[in-house]
PDB file of N, CA and C in Angstrom:
ATOM      1  N   MET A   1     196.565 -18.804  53.340  1.00  0.00           N
ATOM      2  CA  MET A   1     196.252 -19.393  54.468  1.00  0.00           C
ATOM      3  C   MET A   1     197.539 -19.156  55.227  1.00  0.00           C
ATOM      4  N   PRO A   2     197.713 -19.136  56.123  1.00  0.00           N
ATOM      5  CA  PRO A   2     199.010 -18.957  57.109  1.00  0.00           C
ATOM      6  C   PRO A   2     199.646 -20.129  57.192  1.00  0.00           C
ATOM      7  N   VAL A   3     201.174 -20.123  57.138  1.00  0.00           N
ATOM      8  CA  VAL A   3     201.946 -21.099  57.233  1.00  0.00           C
ATOM      9  C   VAL A   3     202.863 -21.192  58.742  1.00  0.00           C
ATOM     10  N   TYR A   4     202.662 -22.200  59.355  1.00  0.00           N
ATOM     11  CA  TYR A   4     203.083 -22.583  60.843  1.00  0.00           C
ATOM     12  C   TYR A   4     204.440 -23.219  60.756  1.00  0.00           C
ATOM     13  N   GLN A   5     205.633 -22.919  61.661  1.00  0.00           N
ATOM     14  CA  GLN A   5     206.599 -23.714  61.692  1.00  0.00           C
ATOM     15  C   GLN A   5     206.448 -24.537  63.100  1.00  0.00           C
ATOM     16  N   PHE A   6     206.737 -26.033  63.163  1.00  0.00           N
ATOM     17  CA  PHE A   6     206.645 -26.825  64.326  1.00  0.00           C
ATOM     18  C   PHE A   6     207.816 -27.836  64.591  1.00  0.00           C
ATOM     19  N   PHE A   7     208.150 -28.157  65.928  1.00  0.00           N
ATOM     20  CA  PHE A   7     209.137 -28.956  65.912  1.00  0.00           C
ATOM     21  C   PHE A   7     208.545 -30.133  66.691  1.00  0.00           C
ATOM     22  N   CYS A   8     208.945 -31.349  66.178  1.00  0.00           N
ATOM     23  CA  CYS A   8     208.425 -32.194  66.991  1.00  0.00           C
ATOM     24  C   CYS A   8     209.377 -32.984  68.342  1.00  0.00           C
ATOM     25  N   LYS A   9     209.139 -33.006  69.332  1.00  0.00           N
ATOM     26  CA  LYS A   9     209.791 -33.641  70.467  1.00  0.00           C
ATOM     27  C   LYS A   9     210.307 -34.608  70.379  1.00  0.00           C
ATOM     28  N   GLU A  10     209.501 -35.693  69.665  1.00  0.00           N
ATOM     29  CA  GLU A  10     209.717 -37.241  69.500  1.00  0.00           C
ATOM     30  C   GLU A  10     211.001 -37.541  68.791  1.00  0.00           C
ATOM     31  N   CYS A  11     211.055 -37.220  67.544  1.00  0.00           N
ATOM     32  CA  CYS A  11     211.761 -37.443  66.626  1.00  0.00           C
ATOM     33  C   CYS A  11     212.706 -36.144  66.209  1.00  0.00           C
ATOM     34  N   LYS A  12     212.705 -34.947  67.084  1.00  0.00           N
ATOM     35  CA  LYS A  12     213.374 -34.002  66.868  1.00  0.00           C
ATOM     36  C   LYS A  12     213.464 -33.394  65.396  1.00  0.00           C
ATOM     37  N   LYS A  13     212.365 -33.287  64.636  1.00  0.00           N
ATOM     38  CA  LYS A  13     212.526 -32.634  63.465  1.00  0.00           C
ATOM     39  C   LYS A  13     211.716 -31.673  63.271  1.00  0.00           C
ATOM     40  N   SER A  14     211.785 -30.426  62.240  1.00  0.00           N
ATOM     41  CA  SER A  14     211.165 -29.447  62.129  1.00  0.00           C
ATOM     42  C   SER A  14     210.419 -29.806  60.790  1.00  0.00           C
ATOM     43  N   PHE A  15     209.148 -28.993  60.906  1.00  0.00           N
ATOM     44  CA  PHE A  15     208.366 -29.408  59.758  1.00  0.00           C
ATOM     45  C   PHE A  15     207.320 -28.037  59.827  1.00  0.00           C
ATOM     46  N   THR A  16     206.813 -27.837  58.416  1.00  0.00           N
ATOM     47  CA  THR A  16     205.983 -26.789  58.272  1.00  0.00           C
ATOM     48  C   THR A  16     204.782 -27.135  57.799  1.00  0.00           C
ATOM     49  N   LEU A  17     203.308 -26.736  58.429  1.00  0.00           N
ATOM     50  CA  LEU A  17     202.125 -26.920  57.905  1.00  0.00           C
ATOM     51  C   LEU A  17     201.479 -25.520  57.388  1.00  0.00           C
ATOM     52  N   THR A  18     200.817 -25.748  56.368  1.00  0.00           N
ATOM     53  CA  THR A  18     199.552 -24.617  55.976  1.00  0.00           C
ATOM     54  C   THR A  18     198.541 -24.863  56.506  1.00  0.00           C
ATOM     55  N   LEU A  19     197.807 -24.345  57.331  1.00  0.00           N
ATOM     56  CA  LEU A  19     196.673 -24.451  58.032  1.00  0.00           C
ATOM     57  C   LEU A  19     195.678 -22.995  58.072  1.00  0.00           C
ATOM     58  N   SER A  20     194.231 -23.657  57.791  1.00  0.00           N
ATOM     59  CA  SER A  20     193.545 -22.493  57.916  1.00  0.00           C
ATOM     60  C   SER A  20     193.534 -21.853  59.346  1.00  0.00           C
ATOM     61  N   LEU A  21     192.755 -21.113  59.470  1.00  0.00           N
ATOM     62  CA  LEU A  21     192.980 -20.457  61.218  1.00  0.00           C
ATOM     63  C   LEU A  21     192.130 -21.305  62.093  1.00  0.00           C
ATOM     64  N   GLU A  22     190.784 -21.864  61.491  1.00  0.00           N
ATOM     65  CA  GLU A  22     190.206 -22.830  61.832  1.00  0.00           C
ATOM     66  C   GLU A  22     190.737 -24.172  62.760  1.00  0.00           C
ATOM     67  N   ALA A  23     191.505 -24.862  61.618  1.00  0.00           N
ATOM     68  CA  ALA A  23     192.066 -25.874  61.674  1.00  0.00           C
ATOM     69  C   ALA A  23     193.397 -25.556  62.748  1.00  0.00           C
ATOM     70  N   TYR A  24     194.185 -24.700  62.804  1.00  0.00           N
ATOM     71  CA  TYR A  24     194.930 -24.109  63.794  1.00  0.00           C
ATOM     72  C   TYR A  24     194.448 -24.313  65.168  1.00  0.00           C
ATOM     73  N   GLU A  25     193.247 -23.601  65.482  1.00  0.00           N
ATOM     74  CA  GLU A  25     192.612 -23.371  66.678  1.00  0.00           C
ATOM     75  C   GLU A  25     192.168 -24.307  67.241  1.00  0.00           C
ATOM     76  N   LYS A  26     191.941 -25.699  66.262  1.00  0.00           N
ATOM     77  CA  LYS A  26     191.685 -26.926  66.748  1.00  0.00           C
ATOM     78  C   LYS A  26     192.804 -27.479  67.496  1.00  0.00           C
ATOM     79  N   GLY A  27     193.786 -27.266  67.178  1.00  0.00           N
ATOM     80  CA  GLY A  27     195.076 -27.884  67.652  1.00  0.00           C
ATOM     81  C   GLY A  27     195.357 -29.430  67.777  1.00  0.00           C
ATOM     82  N   LYS A  28     194.681 -30.144  66.998  1.00  0.00           N
ATOM     83  CA  LYS A  28     194.851 -31.515  66.913  1.00  0.00           C
ATOM     84  C   LYS A  28     196.086 -31.663  65.680  1.00  0.00           C
ATOM     85  N   LEU A  29     197.255 -31.643  66.334  1.00  0.00           N
ATOM     86  CA  LEU A  29     198.495 -31.509  65.157  1.00  0.00           C
ATOM     87  C   LEU A  29     199.100 -32.644  65.731  1.00  0.00           C
ATOM     88  N   ALA A  30     199.784 -33.254  64.407  1.00  0.00           N
ATOM     89  CA  ALA A  30     200.744 -34.446  64.863  1.00  0.00           C
ATOM     90  C   ALA A  30     201.850 -34.225  63.750  1.00  0.00           C
ATOM     91  N   CYS A  31     203.112 -34.705  64.020  1.00  0.00           N
ATOM     92  CA  CYS A  31     204.132 -34.881  63.107  1.00  0.00           C
ATOM     93  C   CYS A  31     203.897 -35.708  61.935  1.00  0.00           C
ATOM     94  N   PRO A  32     204.237 -35.094  60.857  1.00  0.00           N
ATOM     95  CA  PRO A  32     203.877 -36.207  59.511  1.00  0.00           C
ATOM     96  C   PRO A  32     205.122 -37.187  59.551  1.00  0.00           C
ATOM     97  N   LYS A  33     206.059 -37.176  60.285  1.00  0.00           N
ATOM     98  CA  LYS A  33     207.367 -38.191  60.181  1.00  0.00           C
ATOM     99  C   LYS A  33     206.600 -39.193  61.333  1.00  0.00           C
ATOM    100  N   CYS A  34     206.616 -38.974  62.477  1.00  0.00           N
ATOM    101  CA  CYS A  34     206.426 -40.069  63.372  1.00  0.00           C
ATOM    102  C   CYS A  34     205.155 -40.207  64.011  1.00  0.00           C
ATOM    103  N   LYS A  35     204.183 -39.424  63.570  1.00  0.00           N
ATOM    104  CA  LYS A  35     202.828 -38.892  63.883  1.00  0.00           C
ATOM    105  C   LYS A  35     202.537 -38.802  65.420  1.00  0.00           C
ATOM    106  N   SER A  36     203.254 -38.339  65.976  1.00  0.00           N
ATOM    107  CA  SER A  36     203.705 -37.871  67.618  1.00  0.00           C
ATOM    108  C   SER A  36     202.793 -36.643  67.518  1.00  0.00           C
ATOM    109  N   LYS A  37     202.282 -36.429  68.808  1.00  0.00           N
ATOM    110  CA  LYS A  37     201.279 -35.105  68.888  1.00  0.00           C
ATOM    111  C   LYS A  37     202.005 -34.475  69.850  1.00  0.00           C
ATOM    112  N   LYS A  38     203.438 -34.607  70.025  1.00  0.00           N
ATOM    113  CA  LYS A  38     204.099 -33.781  70.936  1.00  0.00           C
ATOM    114  C   LYS A  38     204.940 -32.593  70.389  1.00  0.00           C
ATOM    115  N   VAL A  39     204.136 -31.766  69.821  1.00  0.00           N
ATOM    116  CA  VAL A  39     205.006 -30.788  68.709  1.00  0.00           C
ATOM    117  C   VAL A  39     204.839 -29.393  69.567  1.00  0.00           C
ATOM    118  N   GLU A  40     205.516 -28.641  69.379  1.00  0.00           N
ATOM    119  CA  GLU A  40     205.740 -27.237  69.635  1.00  0.00           C
ATOM    120  C   GLU A  40     205.580 -26.496  68.482  1.00  0.00           C
ATOM    121  N   GLN A  41     205.180 -25.261  68.483  1.00  0.00           N
ATOM    122  CA  GLN A  41     205.119 -23.857  67.341  1.00  0.00           C
ATOM    123  C   GLN A  41     206.559 -23.226  67.780  1.00  0.00           C
ATOM    124  N   ARG A  42     207.100 -23.049  66.813  1.00  0.00           N
ATOM    125  CA  ARG A  42     208.076 -22.315  66.608  1.00  0.00           C
ATOM    126  C   ARG A  42     207.931 -20.931  66.187  1.00  0.00           C
ATOM    127  N   LEU A  43     208.564 -19.891  66.415  1.00  0.00           N
ATOM    128  CA  LEU A  43     208.505 -18.635  65.925  1.00  0.00           C
ATOM    129  C   LEU A  43     209.361 -18.601  64.571  1.00  0.00           C
ATOM    130  N   GLN A  44     208.564 -17.720  63.782  1.00  0.00           N
ATOM    131  CA  GLN A  44     209.238 -17.408  62.570  1.00  0.00           C
ATOM    132  C   GLN A  44     208.628 -16.249  62.010  1.00  0.00           C
ATOM    133  N   ALA A  45     209.158 -15.561  60.886  1.00  0.00           N
ATOM    134  CA  ALA A  45     208.431 -14.718  60.398  1.00  0.00           C
ATOM    135  C   ALA A  45     207.068 -15.137  59.617  1.00  0.00           C
ATOM    136  N   PHE A  46     205.819 -13.981  59.735  1.00  0.00           N
ATOM    137  CA  PHE A  46     205.106 -14.472  59.180  1.00  0.00           C
ATOM    138  C   PHE A  46     204.893 -14.028  57.576  1.00  0.00           C
ATOM    139  N   TYR A  47     203.994 -15.114  57.146  1.00  0.00           N
ATOM    140  CA  TYR A  47     203.900 -15.178  55.530  1.00  0.00           C
ATOM    141  C   TYR A  47     202.922 -15.877  55.312  1.00  0.00           C
ATOM    142  N   ALA A  48     201.738 -15.660  54.362  1.00  0.00           N
ATOM    143  CA  ALA A  48     200.700 -16.223  54.287  1.00  0.00           C
ATOM    144  C   ALA A  48     200.819 -17.055  52.390  1.00  0.00           C
ATOM    145  N   VAL A  49     200.236 -17.972  52.391  1.00  0.00           N
ATOM    146  CA  VAL A  49     200.647 -18.537  50.931  1.00  0.00           C
ATOM    147  C   VAL A  49     199.184 -17.869  50.548  1.00  0.00           C
ATOM    148  N   THR A  50     199.022 -17.232  49.206  1.00  0.00           N
ATOM    149  CA  THR A  50     197.866 -16.885  48.667  1.00  0.00           C
ATOM    150  C   THR A  50     197.706 -17.115  47.261  1.00  0.00           C
ATOM    151  N   SER A  51     196.592 -16.988  46.481  1.00  0.00           N
ATOM    152  CA  SER A  51     196.680 -17.440  45.118  1.00  0.00           C
ATOM    153  C   SER A  51     196.855 -16.495  44.481  1.00  0.00           C
ATOM    154  N   LYS A  52     197.316 -16.844  43.307  1.00  0.00           N
ATOM    155  CA  LYS A  52     198.019 -15.639  42.362  1.00  0.00           C
ATOM    156  C   LYS A  52     196.972 -15.176  41.012  1.00  0.00           C
ATOM    157  N   LYS A  53     196.539 -13.932  41.092  1.00  0.00           N
ATOM    158  CA  LYS A  53     195.632 -13.754  39.953  1.00  0.00           C
ATOM    159  C   LYS A  53     196.382 -13.432  38.704  1.00  0.00           C
ATOM    160  N   ALA A  54     195.913 -14.368  37.402  1.00  0.00           N
ATOM    161  CA  ALA A  54     196.375 -13.835  36.208  1.00  0.00           C
ATOM    162  C   ALA A  54     196.116 -12.637  35.771  1.00  0.00           C
TER     163      ALA A  54
END
């Protein structure tokens, strides 16, 4: 799943979320610290978290 970086405009904190594309497209995101919905996505290098095969 892709990892996205966000910035909260209320508490001024950056945070990352691992979201499915479906969850990302719904856009109902909130800051995990202050629960504000005033968040904006920040640009970062793309990487995805995948399961490792043994």
